[in-house]
C-alpha atoms as a PDB file:
ATOM      1  CA  MET A   1       7.284  27.897  26.264  1.00  0.00           C
ATOM      2  CA  ILE A   2       8.834  28.123  22.804  1.00  0.00           C
ATOM      3  CA  ARG A   3      11.198  25.223  23.619  1.00  0.00           C
ATOM      4  CA  VAL A   4       8.212  23.038  24.484  1.00  0.00           C
ATOM      5  CA  GLY A   5       6.500  23.989  21.188  1.00  0.00           C
ATOM      6  CA  ILE A   6       9.632  23.202  19.214  1.00  0.00           C
ATOM      7  CA  GLY A   7       9.973  19.874  21.045  1.00  0.00           C
ATOM      8  CA  ILE A   8       6.381  18.930  20.260  1.00  0.00           C
ATOM      9  CA  LEU A   9       6.813  19.967  16.639  1.00  0.00           C
ATOM     10  CA  SER A  10      10.053  17.997  16.338  1.00  0.00           C
ATOM     11  CA  GLY A  11       8.410  14.940  17.882  1.00  0.00           C
ATOM     12  CA  ALA A  12       5.430  15.189  15.533  1.00  0.00           C
ATOM     13  CA  ALA A  13       7.772  15.542  12.535  1.00  0.00           C
ATOM     14  CA  ALA A  14       9.746  12.474  13.664  1.00  0.00           C
ATOM     15  CA  VAL A  15       6.552  10.416  14.028  1.00  0.00           C
ATOM     16  CA  TYR A  16       5.405  11.530  10.552  1.00  0.00           C
ATOM     17  CA  VAL A  17       8.763  10.585   8.998  1.00  0.00           C
ATOM     18  CA  LEU A  18       8.610   7.166  10.691  1.00  0.00           C
ATOM     19  CA  PHE A  19       5.041   6.736   9.416  1.00  0.00           C
ATOM     20  CA  LEU A  20       6.161   7.617   5.862  1.00  0.00           C
ATOM     21  CA  GLY A  21       9.059   5.173   6.157  1.00  0.00           C
ATOM     22  CA  GLY A  22       6.713   2.422   7.304  1.00  0.00           C
ATOM     23  CA  ALA A  23       4.274   3.156   4.484  1.00  0.00           C
ATOM     24  CA  TYR A  24       7.146   3.120   1.975  1.00  0.00           C
ATOM     25  CA  ALA A  25       8.424  -0.226   3.305  1.00  0.00           C
ATOM     26  CA  LEU A  26       4.901  -1.623   3.090  1.00  0.00           C
ATOM     27  CA  MET A  27       4.510  -0.395  -0.504  1.00  0.00           C
ATOM     28  CA  ARG A  28       7.716  -2.241  -1.460  1.00  0.00           C
ATOM     29  CA  GLN A  29       6.130  -5.576  -0.485  1.00  0.00           C
ATOM     30  CA  PRO A  30       4.502  -7.902  -3.042  1.00  0.00           C
ATOM     31  CA  PRO A  31       0.974  -6.730  -3.941  1.00  0.00           C
ATOM     32  CA  GLU A  32      -0.794  -9.443  -1.926  1.00  0.00           C
ATOM     33  CA  ASN A  33       1.185  -8.525   1.230  1.00  0.00           C
ATOM     34  CA  PHE A  34       0.564  -4.814   0.697  1.00  0.00           C
ATOM     35  CA  ALA A  35      -3.169  -5.354   0.154  1.00  0.00           C
ATOM     36  CA  ALA A  36      -3.510  -7.518   3.273  1.00  0.00           C
ATOM     37  CA  ALA A  37      -1.671  -4.986   5.433  1.00  0.00           C
ATOM     38  CA  ILE A  38      -3.272  -1.845   4.026  1.00  0.00           C
ATOM     39  CA  ALA A  39      -6.731  -3.309   4.594  1.00  0.00           C
ATOM     40  CA  ARG A  40      -6.046  -3.086   8.334  1.00  0.00           C
ATOM     41  CA  VAL A  41      -4.909   0.563   8.268  1.00  0.00           C
ATOM     42  CA  PRO A  42      -7.642   3.032   9.277  1.00  0.00           C
ATOM     43  CA  GLY A  43      -8.651   5.140   6.277  1.00  0.00           C
ATOM     44  CA  PRO A  44      -8.034   8.540   7.930  1.00  0.00           C
ATOM     45  CA  LEU A  45      -4.368   7.645   8.481  1.00  0.00           C
ATOM     46  CA  MET A  46      -3.891   7.314   4.733  1.00  0.00           C
ATOM     47  CA  PHE A  47      -5.012  10.909   4.158  1.00  0.00           C
ATOM     48  CA  GLY A  48      -1.783  12.106   5.778  1.00  0.00           C
ATOM     49  CA  LEU A  49       0.333  10.448   3.104  1.00  0.00           C
ATOM     50  CA  PRO A  50       1.531  11.850  -0.196  1.00  0.00           C
ATOM     51  CA  PHE A  51       0.269   8.462  -1.426  1.00  0.00           C
ATOM     52  CA  GLU A  52       0.628   8.821  -5.193  1.00  0.00           C
ATOM     53  CA  LYS A  53       4.195  10.152  -5.068  1.00  0.00           C
ATOM     54  CA  LEU A  54       5.267   7.642  -2.421  1.00  0.00           C
ATOM     55  CA  TRP A  55       3.685   4.786  -4.394  1.00  0.00           C
ATOM     56  CA  SER A  56       5.459   5.874  -7.603  1.00  0.00           C
ATOM     57  CA  ILE A  57       8.820   5.899  -5.840  1.00  0.00           C
ATOM     58  CA  ALA A  58       8.231   2.609  -3.995  1.00  0.00           C
ATOM     59  CA  ARG A  59       7.026   0.665  -7.039  1.00  0.00           C
ATOM     60  CA  GLU A  60       9.490   2.137  -9.530  1.00  0.00           C
ATOM     61  CA  GLY A  61      11.426  -0.583 -11.253  1.00  0.00           C
ATOM     62  CA  ASP A  62      14.740  -0.506 -13.018  1.00  0.00           C
ATOM     63  CA  LEU A  63      13.399  -1.421 -16.447  1.00  0.00           C
ATOM     64  CA  GLN A  64      14.416   1.069 -19.127  1.00  0.00           C
ATOM     65  CA  PRO A  65      12.608   1.849 -22.397  1.00  0.00           C
ATOM     66  CA  GLY A  66      13.529  -0.670 -25.063  1.00  0.00           C
ATOM     67  CA  GLU A  67      14.459  -3.426 -22.586  1.00  0.00           C
ATOM     68  CA  MET A  68      12.661  -6.752 -22.621  1.00  0.00           C
ATOM     69  CA  ALA A  69       9.883  -7.019 -20.052  1.00  0.00           C
ATOM     70  CA  PRO A  70      10.406  -9.572 -17.290  1.00  0.00           C
ATOM     71  CA  ASP A  71       8.449 -12.768 -17.716  1.00  0.00           C
ATOM     72  CA  PHE A  72       5.291 -13.292 -15.685  1.00  0.00           C
ATOM     73  CA  GLU A  73       2.205 -15.469 -15.646  1.00  0.00           C
ATOM     74  CA  LEU A  74      -1.421 -14.396 -15.111  1.00  0.00           C
ATOM     75  CA  GLU A  75      -4.795 -16.061 -15.005  1.00  0.00           C
ATOM     76  CA  ARG A  76      -6.924 -15.515 -18.105  1.00  0.00           C
ATOM     77  CA  HIS A  77      -9.792 -13.043 -17.695  1.00  0.00           C
ATOM     78  CA  ASP A  78     -12.322 -15.838 -18.263  1.00  0.00           C
ATOM     79  CA  HIS A  79     -10.566 -18.126 -15.725  1.00  0.00           C
ATOM     80  CA  THR A  80      -9.985 -20.860 -18.340  1.00  0.00           C
ATOM     81  CA  GLY A  81      -6.264 -21.127 -17.640  1.00  0.00           C
ATOM     82  CA  ARG A  82      -3.087 -19.123 -17.338  1.00  0.00           C
ATOM     83  CA  VAL A  83      -1.015 -17.208 -19.858  1.00  0.00           C
ATOM     84  CA  ARG A  84       2.740 -16.489 -19.756  1.00  0.00           C
ATOM     85  CA  LEU A  85       4.233 -13.383 -21.360  1.00  0.00           C
ATOM     86  CA  SER A  86       7.244 -15.282 -22.728  1.00  0.00           C
ATOM     87  CA  SER A  87       4.940 -17.472 -24.817  1.00  0.00           C
ATOM     88  CA  TYR A  88       4.326 -14.428 -27.058  1.00  0.00           C
ATOM     89  CA  ARG A  89       7.976 -13.388 -27.537  1.00  0.00           C
ATOM     90  CA  GLY A  90       8.844 -13.235 -31.208  1.00  0.00           C
ATOM     91  CA  ASP A  91       5.233 -14.015 -32.144  1.00  0.00           C
ATOM     92  CA  LYS A  92       3.312 -10.743 -31.951  1.00  0.00           C
ATOM     93  CA  PRO A  93       3.312  -7.465 -30.013  1.00  0.00           C
ATOM     94  CA  VAL A  94       1.727  -7.500 -26.557  1.00  0.00           C
ATOM     95  CA  VAL A  95      -0.011  -4.543 -24.942  1.00  0.00           C
ATOM     96  CA  LEU A  96      -0.538  -4.612 -21.192  1.00  0.00           C
ATOM     97  CA  VAL A  97      -3.343  -2.513 -19.760  1.00  0.00           C
ATOM     98  CA  PHE A  98      -3.629  -2.094 -16.000  1.00  0.00           C
ATOM     99  CA  GLY A  99      -6.570  -0.383 -14.387  1.00  0.00           C
ATOM    100  CA  SER A 100     -10.069  -0.722 -13.135  1.00  0.00           C
ATOM    101  CA  TYR A 101     -13.043  -0.636 -15.417  1.00  0.00           C
ATOM    102  CA  THR A 102     -15.721  -0.880 -12.743  1.00  0.00           C
END
């Protein structure tokens, strides 16, 4: 009886670890791939994840304080064109703010 309980518990732990590994691999994908995939995952499954910690580990970069930010390009907030970070190098400081204001 105890062996069966331990077997079930071990199996459940293995499934959970595989689920965490899959979620981690998904979080390492580019944002558009992650968003498309995560939209298909049932919401209750996400409650079993230590999401914030896993996300922090998966999206952690190797940039150190004082290093130059990698170049990137984004659409302007008013959709009138695009802006590239490197176009501001040596010109003026740039502050990047990420978040939702809705």
